[in-house]
Amino acid sequence: MGKKPFVWQMIKEAIEELGGTAYYSDIKTYIWNKFGDVNEGTINAQIVVCTVNHPSRIHYPENKKPRSSD
C-alpha cells in the first residue's frame, strides 16, 4: 500500500462519503475501515481543526491566520 494521506484529507473524504455531515464516531469508523491504524487522538484533534463552527478550533495554530474565500 502507498503512503497514507494526511489525516485532514481522510476526514474530508469521510465527510464527503458520509453525505456532508457525520458524528465523530462515523468519521473514525470510516477512516479505520479504509486506512487502518490511525491514532484516535490525531483524528479527534484534526476534526476540531477542520470544523469551522467548533469553539475550540481557534486554539490551533492552523486557525490563527485568516482563511481565503477561494
PDB file of N, CA and C in Angstrom:
ATOM      1  N   MET A   1       0.849  -1.182   0.000  1.00  0.00           N
ATOM      2  CA  MET A   1       0.000   0.000   0.000  1.00  0.00           C
ATOM      3  C   MET A   1       0.889   1.237   0.000  1.00  0.00           C
ATOM      4  N   GLY A   2       0.455   2.267  -0.701  1.00  0.00           N
ATOM      5  CA  GLY A   2       1.219   3.503  -0.778  1.00  0.00           C
ATOM      6  C   GLY A   2       1.113   4.326   0.490  1.00  0.00           C
ATOM      7  N   LYS A   3       1.672   5.490   0.417  1.00  0.00           N
ATOM      8  CA  LYS A   3       1.658   6.403   1.555  1.00  0.00           C
ATOM      9  C   LYS A   3       0.227   6.872   1.854  1.00  0.00           C
ATOM     10  N   LYS A   4      -0.108   6.900   3.138  1.00  0.00           N
ATOM     11  CA  LYS A   4      -1.434   7.363   3.555  1.00  0.00           C
ATOM     12  C   LYS A   4      -1.542   8.865   3.362  1.00  0.00           C
ATOM     13  N   PRO A   5      -2.754   9.362   3.092  1.00  0.00           N
ATOM     14  CA  PRO A   5      -2.942  10.810   3.018  1.00  0.00           C
ATOM     15  C   PRO A   5      -2.859  11.417   4.420  1.00  0.00           C
ATOM     16  N   PHE A   6      -2.769  12.738   4.476  1.00  0.00           N
ATOM     17  CA  PHE A   6      -2.826  13.422   5.769  1.00  0.00           C
ATOM     18  C   PHE A   6      -4.181  13.152   6.405  1.00  0.00           C
ATOM     19  N   VAL A   7      -4.232  13.211   7.752  1.00  0.00           N
ATOM     20  CA  VAL A   7      -5.479  12.910   8.452  1.00  0.00           C
ATOM     21  C   VAL A   7      -6.582  13.883   8.051  1.00  0.00           C
ATOM     22  N   TRP A   8      -6.267  15.165   7.840  1.00  0.00           N
ATOM     23  CA  TRP A   8      -7.312  16.101   7.425  1.00  0.00           C
ATOM     24  C   TRP A   8      -7.903  15.697   6.075  1.00  0.00           C
ATOM     25  N   GLN A   9      -7.096  15.101   5.217  1.00  0.00           N
ATOM     26  CA  GLN A   9      -7.603  14.632   3.930  1.00  0.00           C
ATOM     27  C   GLN A   9      -8.508  13.405   4.115  1.00  0.00           C
ATOM     28  N   MET A  10      -8.160  12.550   5.068  1.00  0.00           N
ATOM     29  CA  MET A  10      -9.004  11.401   5.390  1.00  0.00           C
ATOM     30  C   MET A  10     -10.358  11.871   5.896  1.00  0.00           C
ATOM     31  N   ILE A  11     -10.336  12.892   6.761  1.00  0.00           N
ATOM     32  CA  ILE A  11     -11.576  13.434   7.319  1.00  0.00           C
ATOM     33  C   ILE A  11     -12.432  14.037   6.214  1.00  0.00           C
ATOM     34  N   LYS A  12     -11.818  14.804   5.341  1.00  0.00           N
ATOM     35  CA  LYS A  12     -12.545  15.410   4.220  1.00  0.00           C
ATOM     36  C   LYS A  12     -13.216  14.329   3.380  1.00  0.00           C
ATOM     37  N   GLU A  13     -12.471  13.284   3.059  1.00  0.00           N
ATOM     38  CA  GLU A  13     -13.034  12.181   2.282  1.00  0.00           C
ATOM     39  C   GLU A  13     -14.184  11.515   3.028  1.00  0.00           C
ATOM     40  N   ALA A  14     -14.004  11.279   4.314  1.00  0.00           N
ATOM     41  CA  ALA A  14     -15.047  10.633   5.111  1.00  0.00           C
ATOM     42  C   ALA A  14     -16.330  11.456   5.098  1.00  0.00           C
ATOM     43  N   ILE A  15     -16.212  12.750   5.316  1.00  0.00           N
ATOM     44  CA  ILE A  15     -17.389  13.627   5.332  1.00  0.00           C
ATOM     45  C   ILE A  15     -18.080  13.603   3.973  1.00  0.00           C
ATOM     46  N   GLU A  16     -17.306  13.677   2.910  1.00  0.00           N
ATOM     47  CA  GLU A  16     -17.898  13.638   1.566  1.00  0.00           C
ATOM     48  C   GLU A  16     -18.627  12.324   1.329  1.00  0.00           C
ATOM     49  N   GLU A  17     -18.010  11.210   1.715  1.00  0.00           N
ATOM     50  CA  GLU A  17     -18.615   9.895   1.505  1.00  0.00           C
ATOM     51  C   GLU A  17     -19.820   9.657   2.419  1.00  0.00           C
ATOM     52  N   LEU A  18     -19.854  10.333   3.570  1.00  0.00           N
ATOM     53  CA  LEU A  18     -20.950  10.168   4.526  1.00  0.00           C
ATOM     54  C   LEU A  18     -22.072  11.183   4.309  1.00  0.00           C
ATOM     55  N   GLY A  19     -22.025  11.901   3.202  1.00  0.00           N
ATOM     56  CA  GLY A  19     -23.132  12.780   2.842  1.00  0.00           C
ATOM     57  C   GLY A  19     -23.043  14.205   3.346  1.00  0.00           C
ATOM     58  N   GLY A  20     -21.889  14.630   3.843  1.00  0.00           N
ATOM     59  CA  GLY A  20     -21.703  16.017   4.237  1.00  0.00           C
ATOM     60  C   GLY A  20     -21.794  16.298   5.725  1.00  0.00           C
ATOM     61  N   THR A  21     -22.357  15.397   6.495  1.00  0.00           N
ATOM     62  CA  THR A  21     -22.401  15.543   7.955  1.00  0.00           C
ATOM     63  C   THR A  21     -22.176  14.174   8.590  1.00  0.00           C
ATOM     64  N   ALA A  22     -21.555  14.177   9.774  1.00  0.00           N
ATOM     65  CA  ALA A  22     -21.291  12.904  10.444  1.00  0.00           C
ATOM     66  C   ALA A  22     -20.896  13.148  11.890  1.00  0.00           C
ATOM     67  N   TYR A  23     -21.094  12.145  12.706  1.00  0.00           N
ATOM     68  CA  TYR A  23     -20.615  12.167  14.082  1.00  0.00           C
ATOM     69  C   TYR A  23     -19.141  11.783  14.091  1.00  0.00           C
ATOM     70  N   TYR A  24     -18.432  12.151  15.176  1.00  0.00           N
ATOM     71  CA  TYR A  24     -17.027  11.761  15.323  1.00  0.00           C
ATOM     72  C   TYR A  24     -16.868  10.257  15.095  1.00  0.00           C
ATOM     73  N   SER A  25     -17.751   9.476  15.715  1.00  0.00           N
ATOM     74  CA  SER A  25     -17.636   8.015  15.624  1.00  0.00           C
ATOM     75  C   SER A  25     -17.769   7.532  14.183  1.00  0.00           C
ATOM     76  N   ASP A  26     -18.635   8.162  13.396  1.00  0.00           N
ATOM     77  CA  ASP A  26     -18.790   7.779  11.986  1.00  0.00           C
ATOM     78  C   ASP A  26     -17.506   8.058  11.204  1.00  0.00           C
ATOM     79  N   ILE A  27     -16.911   9.222  11.454  1.00  0.00           N
ATOM     80  CA  ILE A  27     -15.674   9.608  10.773  1.00  0.00           C
ATOM     81  C   ILE A  27     -14.552   8.638  11.131  1.00  0.00           C
ATOM     82  N   LYS A  28     -14.414   8.362  12.426  1.00  0.00           N
ATOM     83  CA  LYS A  28     -13.339   7.459  12.867  1.00  0.00           C
ATOM     84  C   LYS A  28     -13.522   6.055  12.295  1.00  0.00           C
ATOM     85  N   THR A  29     -14.743   5.556  12.293  1.00  0.00           N
ATOM     86  CA  THR A  29     -15.005   4.226  11.741  1.00  0.00           C
ATOM     87  C   THR A  29     -14.663   4.186  10.259  1.00  0.00           C
ATOM     88  N   TYR A  30     -15.052   5.206   9.530  1.00  0.00           N
ATOM     89  CA  TYR A  30     -14.727   5.268   8.104  1.00  0.00           C
ATOM     90  C   TYR A  30     -13.210   5.228   7.899  1.00  0.00           C
ATOM     91  N   ILE A  31     -12.506   6.074   8.646  1.00  0.00           N
ATOM     92  CA  ILE A  31     -11.048   6.154   8.498  1.00  0.00           C
ATOM     93  C   ILE A  31     -10.388   4.830   8.854  1.00  0.00           C
ATOM     94  N   TRP A  32     -10.773   4.224   9.963  1.00  0.00           N
ATOM     95  CA  TRP A  32     -10.152   2.958  10.368  1.00  0.00           C
ATOM     96  C   TRP A  32     -10.455   1.842   9.377  1.00  0.00           C
ATOM     97  N   ASN A  33     -11.665   1.822   8.837  1.00  0.00           N
ATOM     98  CA  ASN A  33     -12.016   0.785   7.868  1.00  0.00           C
ATOM     99  C   ASN A  33     -11.249   0.956   6.561  1.00  0.00           C
ATOM    100  N   LYS A  34     -11.017   2.197   6.155  1.00  0.00           N
ATOM    101  CA  LYS A  34     -10.345   2.426   4.873  1.00  0.00           C
ATOM    102  C   LYS A  34      -8.826   2.494   4.994  1.00  0.00           C
ATOM    103  N   PHE A  35      -8.316   3.151   6.046  1.00  0.00           N
ATOM    104  CA  PHE A  35      -6.885   3.428   6.134  1.00  0.00           C
ATOM    105  C   PHE A  35      -6.150   2.622   7.204  1.00  0.00           C
ATOM    106  N   GLY A  36      -6.872   1.860   8.002  1.00  0.00           N
ATOM    107  CA  GLY A  36      -6.224   1.040   9.019  1.00  0.00           C
ATOM    108  C   GLY A  36      -5.902   1.829  10.277  1.00  0.00           C
ATOM    109  N   ASP A  37      -4.748   1.550  10.844  1.00  0.00           N
ATOM    110  CA  ASP A  37      -4.351   2.109  12.129  1.00  0.00           C
ATOM    111  C   ASP A  37      -3.996   3.595  12.011  1.00  0.00           C
ATOM    112  N   VAL A  38      -4.913   4.436  12.494  1.00  0.00           N
ATOM    113  CA  VAL A  38      -4.687   5.880  12.569  1.00  0.00           C
ATOM    114  C   VAL A  38      -5.010   6.272  14.004  1.00  0.00           C
ATOM    115  N   ASN A  39      -4.147   7.043  14.620  1.00  0.00           N
ATOM    116  CA  ASN A  39      -4.293   7.422  16.028  1.00  0.00           C
ATOM    117  C   ASN A  39      -5.604   8.169  16.270  1.00  0.00           C
ATOM    118  N   GLU A  40      -6.384   7.687  17.240  1.00  0.00           N
ATOM    119  CA  GLU A  40      -7.684   8.289  17.545  1.00  0.00           C
ATOM    120  C   GLU A  40      -7.555   9.742  18.000  1.00  0.00           C
ATOM    121  N   GLY A  41      -6.549  10.032  18.814  1.00  0.00           N
ATOM    122  CA  GLY A  41      -6.348  11.405  19.285  1.00  0.00           C
ATOM    123  C   GLY A  41      -6.037  12.360  18.138  1.00  0.00           C
ATOM    124  N   THR A  42      -5.281  11.885  17.161  1.00  0.00           N
ATOM    125  CA  THR A  42      -4.973  12.698  15.992  1.00  0.00           C
ATOM    126  C   THR A  42      -6.236  12.971  15.185  1.00  0.00           C
ATOM    127  N   ILE A  43      -7.058  11.943  15.015  1.00  0.00           N
ATOM    128  CA  ILE A  43      -8.319  12.140  14.290  1.00  0.00           C
ATOM    129  C   ILE A  43      -9.181  13.167  15.023  1.00  0.00           C
ATOM    130  N   ASN A  44      -9.330  13.006  16.336  1.00  0.00           N
ATOM    131  CA  ASN A  44     -10.153  13.947  17.111  1.00  0.00           C
ATOM    132  C   ASN A  44      -9.650  15.376  16.979  1.00  0.00           C
ATOM    133  N   ALA A  45      -8.347  15.568  17.117  1.00  0.00           N
ATOM    134  CA  ALA A  45      -7.771  16.908  17.017  1.00  0.00           C
ATOM    135  C   ALA A  45      -7.980  17.501  15.625  1.00  0.00           C
ATOM    136  N   GLN A  46      -7.795  16.697  14.594  1.00  0.00           N
ATOM    137  CA  GLN A  46      -7.954  17.191  13.233  1.00  0.00           C
ATOM    138  C   GLN A  46      -9.416  17.481  12.895  1.00  0.00           C
ATOM    139  N   ILE A  47     -10.344  16.748  13.482  1.00  0.00           N
ATOM    140  CA  ILE A  47     -11.765  17.066  13.298  1.00  0.00           C
ATOM    141  C   ILE A  47     -12.038  18.463  13.841  1.00  0.00           C
ATOM    142  N   VAL A  48     -11.504  18.777  15.013  1.00  0.00           N
ATOM    143  CA  VAL A  48     -11.684  20.114  15.598  1.00  0.00           C
ATOM    144  C   VAL A  48     -11.098  21.176  14.676  1.00  0.00           C
ATOM    145  N   VAL A  49      -9.890  20.950  14.192  1.00  0.00           N
ATOM    146  CA  VAL A  49      -9.228  21.912  13.306  1.00  0.00           C
ATOM    147  C   VAL A  49     -10.047  22.132  12.037  1.00  0.00           C
ATOM    148  N   CYS A  50     -10.647  21.082  11.517  1.00  0.00           N
ATOM    149  CA  CYS A  50     -11.385  21.161  10.253  1.00  0.00           C
ATOM    150  C   CYS A  50     -12.821  21.675  10.400  1.00  0.00           C
ATOM    151  N   THR A  51     -13.296  21.810  11.619  1.00  0.00           N
ATOM    152  CA  THR A  51     -14.685  22.207  11.845  1.00  0.00           C
ATOM    153  C   THR A  51     -14.765  23.710  12.091  1.00  0.00           C
ATOM    154  N   VAL A  52     -15.356  24.433  11.151  1.00  0.00           N
ATOM    155  CA  VAL A  52     -15.358  25.898  11.242  1.00  0.00           C
ATOM    156  C   VAL A  52     -16.214  26.436  12.383  1.00  0.00           C
ATOM    157  N   ASN A  53     -17.197  25.690  12.841  1.00  0.00           N
ATOM    158  CA  ASN A  53     -18.048  26.181  13.920  1.00  0.00           C
ATOM    159  C   ASN A  53     -17.743  25.542  15.281  1.00  0.00           C
ATOM    160  N   HIS A  54     -16.594  24.919  15.422  1.00  0.00           N
ATOM    161  CA  HIS A  54     -16.194  24.327  16.700  1.00  0.00           C
ATOM    162  C   HIS A  54     -15.502  25.412  17.523  1.00  0.00           C
ATOM    163  N   PRO A  55     -16.011  25.720  18.730  1.00  0.00           N
ATOM    164  CA  PRO A  55     -15.473  26.837  19.506  1.00  0.00           C
ATOM    165  C   PRO A  55     -13.979  26.755  19.831  1.00  0.00           C
ATOM    166  N   SER A  56     -13.452  25.558  20.030  1.00  0.00           N
ATOM    167  CA  SER A  56     -12.045  25.457  20.426  1.00  0.00           C
ATOM    168  C   SER A  56     -11.082  25.414  19.238  1.00  0.00           C
ATOM    169  N   ARG A  57     -11.577  25.479  18.017  1.00  0.00           N
ATOM    170  CA  ARG A  57     -10.696  25.423  16.846  1.00  0.00           C
ATOM    171  C   ARG A  57      -9.729  26.603  16.790  1.00  0.00           C
ATOM    172  N   ILE A  58     -10.076  27.711  17.427  1.00  0.00           N
ATOM    173  CA  ILE A  58      -9.225  28.905  17.388  1.00  0.00           C
ATOM    174  C   ILE A  58      -7.922  28.722  18.153  1.00  0.00           C
ATOM    175  N   HIS A  59      -7.827  27.670  18.946  1.00  0.00           N
ATOM    176  CA  HIS A  59      -6.629  27.435  19.746  1.00  0.00           C
ATOM    177  C   HIS A  59      -5.538  26.680  18.988  1.00  0.00           C
ATOM    178  N   TYR A  60      -5.823  26.265  17.773  1.00  0.00           N
ATOM    179  CA  TYR A  60      -4.852  25.534  16.967  1.00  0.00           C
ATOM    180  C   TYR A  60      -4.134  26.501  16.027  1.00  0.00           C
ATOM    181  N   PRO A  61      -2.831  26.335  15.851  1.00  0.00           N
ATOM    182  CA  PRO A  61      -2.062  27.283  15.033  1.00  0.00           C
ATOM    183  C   PRO A  61      -2.546  27.381  13.590  1.00  0.00           C
ATOM    184  N   GLU A  62      -3.115  26.303  13.059  1.00  0.00           N
ATOM    185  CA  GLU A  62      -3.619  26.331  11.685  1.00  0.00           C
ATOM    186  C   GLU A  62      -4.726  27.364  11.504  1.00  0.00           C
ATOM    187  N   ASN A  63      -5.404  27.669  12.597  1.00  0.00           N
ATOM    188  CA  ASN A  63      -6.565  28.556  12.516  1.00  0.00           C
ATOM    189  C   ASN A  63      -6.288  29.966  13.042  1.00  0.00           C
ATOM    190  N   LYS A  64      -5.043  30.313  13.228  1.00  0.00           N
ATOM    191  CA  LYS A  64      -4.683  31.650  13.698  1.00  0.00           C
ATOM    192  C   LYS A  64      -4.706  32.678  12.570  1.00  0.00           C
ATOM    193  N   LYS A  65      -4.529  32.226  11.342  1.00  0.00           N
ATOM    194  CA  LYS A  65      -4.499  33.151  10.209  1.00  0.00           C
ATOM    195  C   LYS A  65      -5.853  33.138   9.495  1.00  0.00           C
ATOM    196  N   PRO A  66      -6.214  34.254   8.868  1.00  0.00           N
ATOM    197  CA  PRO A  66      -7.493  34.292   8.146  1.00  0.00           C
ATOM    198  C   PRO A  66      -7.513  33.283   7.002  1.00  0.00           C
ATOM    199  N   ARG A  67      -8.677  32.760   6.720  1.00  0.00           N
ATOM    200  CA  ARG A  67      -8.822  31.816   5.625  1.00  0.00           C
ATOM    201  C   ARG A  67      -9.157  32.541   4.339  1.00  0.00           C
ATOM    202  N   SER A  68      -8.722  31.977   3.255  1.00  0.00           N
ATOM    203  CA  SER A  68      -9.038  32.505   1.948  1.00  0.00           C
ATOM    204  C   SER A  68     -10.484  32.147   1.605  1.00  0.00           C
ATOM    205  N   SER A  69     -11.127  32.947   0.818  1.00  0.00           N
ATOM    206  CA  SER A  69     -12.502  32.654   0.415  1.00  0.00           C
ATOM    207  C   SER A  69     -12.571  31.890  -0.892  1.00  0.00           C
ATOM    208  N   ASP A  70     -11.416  31.459  -1.369  1.00  0.00           N
ATOM    209  CA  ASP A  70     -11.386  30.737  -2.653  1.00  0.00           C
ATOM    210  C   ASP A  70     -11.967  29.363  -2.500  1.00  0.00           C
TER     211      ASP A  70
END
